[in-house]
Amino acid sequence: MQETTPIRIKTISELHALRGLPKPLHPLISVINLETIEKTEAQTQGTVVLDFYSISIKRGLNIKYKYGQQQYDFDEGVMFFTAPGQVIGMEVGDEPIKHTGWTLFIHPDFLWNTNLAKGIKKYEFFDYAVSEALFLSEREEQMVKLILQDMEREYDANIDRFSQNIIISQIELLLNYSERFYNRQFITRKKAHHQILDKLEQLLDEYFTDDSRIQTGLPTVQEVADALNLSPTYLGGLLKALTGLSTQQHIHEKLIEKAKEKLSTTRLSVSEIAYALGFEHPQSFSKLFKSKTNQSPLEFRENFN
């Protein structure tokens, strides 16, 4: 796909016009059945930036979606989420385009002055890469469709003073179910995800035994995620579900393990160990060690011996 300047779409009405859809019934929220869209290559090829949230279920597509540097082919029923300002690339395959599924668009203005306006930031899957999409079971997909259809019926009816609160509740229900489904995915795709745990363990082992790398400082969450070809938020959610620990906590656990090894098997001073583990200030190392073990490094060494 030839790189082009992304098309910025600022409003849901603008998106409807671009896709040849009727004017939206509500300017700030829209549920679209993808089977009703007739797209041409000109409409789908290239990249777009939406100034609003999108939540999509897509099945049986021959379109490749690109987010950042990663590409994903949606041949199965999957669900993915994008936040305002994310660049989404689309590349059409050689076969005729077939659309099944649903997409929900939510403009941030619709959330204004509601608890969800700030609360939506807690749903980390809006920051996941496209390749970290949610694979839905048939039952889960049906549940999502029912919520979207209820939402569509609500804003299709006469708008009154209750409408926004009801739709906001439906959006929250959808997001909470999505969070549950992601947690299920972390667990049920156990083999693949435990392979990631093994790779993380190996990665941190190599990092803390490579003097040339550790001298540059402790590994960051971003560096670890990049090395595993995952987004930081997806990696964090996966680790939380499988181990109860965040990525940062895993880094610290490995660091403490290596620190204990050096304290118990070498005669290096605490300061030398701190520097060897990438700390610029030994006090920072001692503080972290005590917070994790309830002992100072010297107390650990004395008790061990």
Foldseek 3Di string as FASTA:
>chain_A
DDADDAAEDEWPQSVCVLQVHPRALDGFKDKDFFQPTDDDQVSAAYKYFYQWKKKWWWECFQKWKFFDHDIDGHNHTWIAIAGGGTMIGIDHDPDHGGTGIMMMTGHLVLCPPHPVNVVVVVLLRNVWGPVLIQHDDPVLRVVLVVLSVVLNVLSVPDDDPCSSVVNVVSVVVNSVSVLVSLLVVLVVVPVVLVVLVVVLVVVLVVQLVDQVNLLQAQDDLCNSCVVSVTHSSSQQSSCCSPPVDGPVVVSLVSLLVVLLVCLAPHPDDLVVSCSSRNHPDSVVVQVSNCVVVVDGSVRSSVVND
